[in-house]
Protein backbone atom coordinates (compact mmCIF):
# COMPACT_ATOMS: atom_id res chain seq x y z
CA MET A 1 -0.03 0.00 0.02
CA THR A 2 1.43 3.40 -0.96
CA ILE A 3 1.15 6.42 1.19
CA ALA A 4 -1.44 8.03 -1.33
CA THR A 5 -3.75 5.02 -0.76
CA ALA A 6 -3.02 4.40 2.98
CA GLU A 7 -6.14 4.11 5.31
CA LEU A 8 -6.02 6.89 7.77
CA LEU A 9 -7.51 6.20 11.23
CA THR A 10 -8.84 8.53 13.78
CA VAL A 11 -7.51 8.36 17.35
CA PRO A 12 -10.80 6.72 18.65
CA GLN A 13 -10.32 4.13 15.82
CA VAL A 14 -6.86 3.45 16.94
CA MET A 15 -8.05 3.28 20.48
CA ALA A 16 -10.65 0.55 19.49
CA ARG A 17 -8.08 -1.43 17.44
CA LEU A 18 -5.52 -1.55 20.22
CA LYS A 19 -7.90 -1.60 23.13
CA LEU A 20 -5.99 1.33 24.71
CA GLY A 21 -7.14 4.71 26.20
CA ARG A 22 -6.84 8.00 24.56
CA SER A 23 -3.78 9.21 26.64
CA THR A 24 -1.99 6.04 25.89
CA VAL A 25 -2.51 6.48 22.14
CA TYR A 26 -1.37 10.05 22.25
CA ASP A 27 1.70 8.99 24.31
CA LEU A 28 2.50 6.50 21.53
CA ILE A 29 2.22 9.20 18.95
CA ARG A 30 4.20 11.65 20.99
CA SER A 31 7.06 9.15 21.48
CA ARG A 32 6.90 8.32 17.67
CA ARG A 33 6.14 4.69 18.21
CA LEU A 34 2.99 5.41 16.11
CA THR A 35 3.30 7.59 13.09
CA SER A 36 0.66 10.19 12.62
CA ILE A 37 -0.15 13.19 10.50
CA THR A 38 -2.20 16.31 11.12
CA ILE A 39 -4.68 17.55 8.61
CA GLY A 40 -5.96 20.92 9.85
CA ARG A 41 -6.76 20.20 13.50
CA ALA A 42 -7.40 16.54 12.88
CA ARG A 43 -4.88 13.88 13.95
CA ARG A 44 -4.80 10.74 11.66
CA VAL A 45 -2.73 7.53 12.04
CA PRO A 46 -1.99 5.37 8.96
CA ALA A 47 -3.30 1.80 9.45
CA ASP A 48 -0.01 0.55 8.33
CA SER A 49 1.52 2.32 11.32
CA VAL A 50 -0.81 0.44 13.66
CA ARG A 51 0.00 -2.81 12.04
CA ASP A 52 3.81 -2.15 12.25
CA PHE A 53 3.46 -1.29 15.91
CA ILE A 54 1.60 -4.57 16.61
CA ASN A 55 4.20 -6.57 14.70
CA HIS A 56 7.04 -4.88 16.52
CA LYS A 57 5.44 -5.70 19.88
CA ILE A 58 4.88 -9.30 18.89
CA GLU A 59 8.55 -9.56 17.89
CA GLU A 60 9.63 -7.99 21.17
CA ALA A 61 7.56 -10.58 23.13
CA ALA A 62 9.04 -13.57 21.20
């Protein structure tokens, strides 16, 4: 998937996918463990970034 066709998720959607709270998701964004972009005042997280984060956590646990 290219950046031009990447699915962009809202913070509440990321919260639901990862089963985490709002402050934790924003901490992950702030610490650059989740990539995000800002469009106007809206924060969006590419779905690929969420998948990469999950895969990284799985590799860490192994």
